[in-house]
Amino acid sequence: MAIRRTLLTSSAGVKLMLVETVERDRVTDSHFRVSTLRLGQPRIFADRALAEEAYAREVIASEKDPVAMQMAAAGH
């Protein structure tokens, strides 16, 4: 069993990733993960539309957070 992570988009220190479990060249499970410099734990979504909406909201919030923007500019 392998885990395949694909970065779909990233902005302002926020990442939207597709995470897939692969067994014998077949995807057996998948979910979307939104991670950010502002929150401790990534948020997990089964639905892509909900993940994209959460990603967009978090980008807006991160852009308004001076600490998150400093961290993103520093490459964290």
Protein backbone atom coordinates (compact mmCIF):
# COMPACT_ATOMS: atom_id res chain seq x y z
CA MET A 1 0.00 0.00 0.00
CA ALA A 2 1.38 3.39 -1.00
CA ILE A 3 0.16 6.90 -0.36
CA ARG A 4 0.26 9.31 -3.29
CA ARG A 5 0.03 13.04 -2.53
CA THR A 6 -0.68 15.51 -5.34
CA LEU A 7 -0.51 19.25 -4.74
CA LEU A 8 -3.50 20.77 -6.53
CA THR A 9 -2.91 24.42 -5.63
CA SER A 10 -1.06 26.57 -3.12
CA SER A 11 -1.27 30.23 -2.13
CA ALA A 12 -0.52 32.38 0.95
CA GLY A 13 0.87 29.37 2.82
CA VAL A 14 -2.29 27.32 2.21
CA LYS A 15 -2.13 24.02 0.30
CA LEU A 16 -4.86 21.90 -1.25
CA MET A 17 -3.74 18.32 -1.81
CA LEU A 18 -5.29 15.17 -3.19
CA VAL A 19 -4.24 12.19 -1.06
CA GLU A 20 -4.74 8.73 -2.56
CA THR A 21 -4.12 5.26 -1.21
CA VAL A 22 -2.80 3.05 -4.02
CA GLU A 23 -2.73 -0.75 -3.94
CA ARG A 24 -1.55 -2.78 -6.93
CA ASP A 25 -1.75 0.24 -9.24
CA ARG A 26 -5.34 0.97 -8.20
CA VAL A 27 -6.60 3.88 -6.12
CA THR A 28 -8.49 2.31 -3.21
CA ASP A 29 -9.19 5.47 -1.21
CA SER A 30 -8.86 9.21 -1.67
CA HIS A 31 -9.52 12.46 0.14
CA PHE A 32 -8.59 16.13 -0.05
CA ARG A 33 -6.47 17.89 2.54
CA VAL A 34 -6.31 21.64 3.24
CA SER A 35 -3.27 22.62 5.28
CA THR A 36 -2.26 26.09 6.40
CA LEU A 37 0.32 27.91 8.45
CA ARG A 38 -2.48 29.31 10.63
CA LEU A 39 -3.93 26.03 11.91
CA GLY A 40 -2.23 23.15 13.69
CA GLN A 41 -3.96 20.25 11.95
CA PRO A 42 -4.92 19.89 8.28
CA ARG A 43 -8.61 19.66 7.43
CA ILE A 44 -9.76 16.56 5.56
CA PHE A 45 -12.59 16.46 3.01
CA ALA A 46 -14.14 13.66 0.95
CA ASP A 47 -15.79 16.14 -1.42
CA ARG A 48 -13.57 18.20 -3.73
CA ALA A 49 -16.00 21.14 -3.96
CA LEU A 50 -16.09 21.47 -0.17
CA ALA A 51 -12.29 21.23 -0.01
CA GLU A 52 -11.91 23.94 -2.66
CA GLU A 53 -14.33 26.20 -0.78
CA ALA A 54 -12.44 25.68 2.49
CA TYR A 55 -9.16 26.34 0.67
CA ALA A 56 -10.46 29.63 -0.78
CA ARG A 57 -11.73 30.80 2.63
CA GLU A 58 -8.42 29.91 4.28
CA VAL A 59 -6.40 31.77 1.62
CA ILE A 60 -8.46 34.90 2.31
CA ALA A 61 -7.99 34.51 6.08
CA SER A 62 -4.26 33.86 5.70
CA GLU A 63 -3.80 36.92 3.50
CA LYS A 64 -5.30 39.03 6.32
CA ASP A 65 -3.04 37.44 8.97
CA PRO A 66 0.31 39.30 9.12
CA VAL A 67 2.06 36.45 10.95
CA ALA A 68 0.94 33.85 8.40
CA MET A 69 2.04 36.12 5.54
CA GLN A 70 5.48 36.61 7.13
CA MET A 71 5.84 32.85 7.51
CA ALA A 72 4.73 32.24 3.92
CA ALA A 73 7.20 34.86 2.65
CA ALA A 74 9.96 33.17 4.63
CA GLY A 75 9.16 29.87 2.89
CA HIS A 76 7.67 27.94 5.78
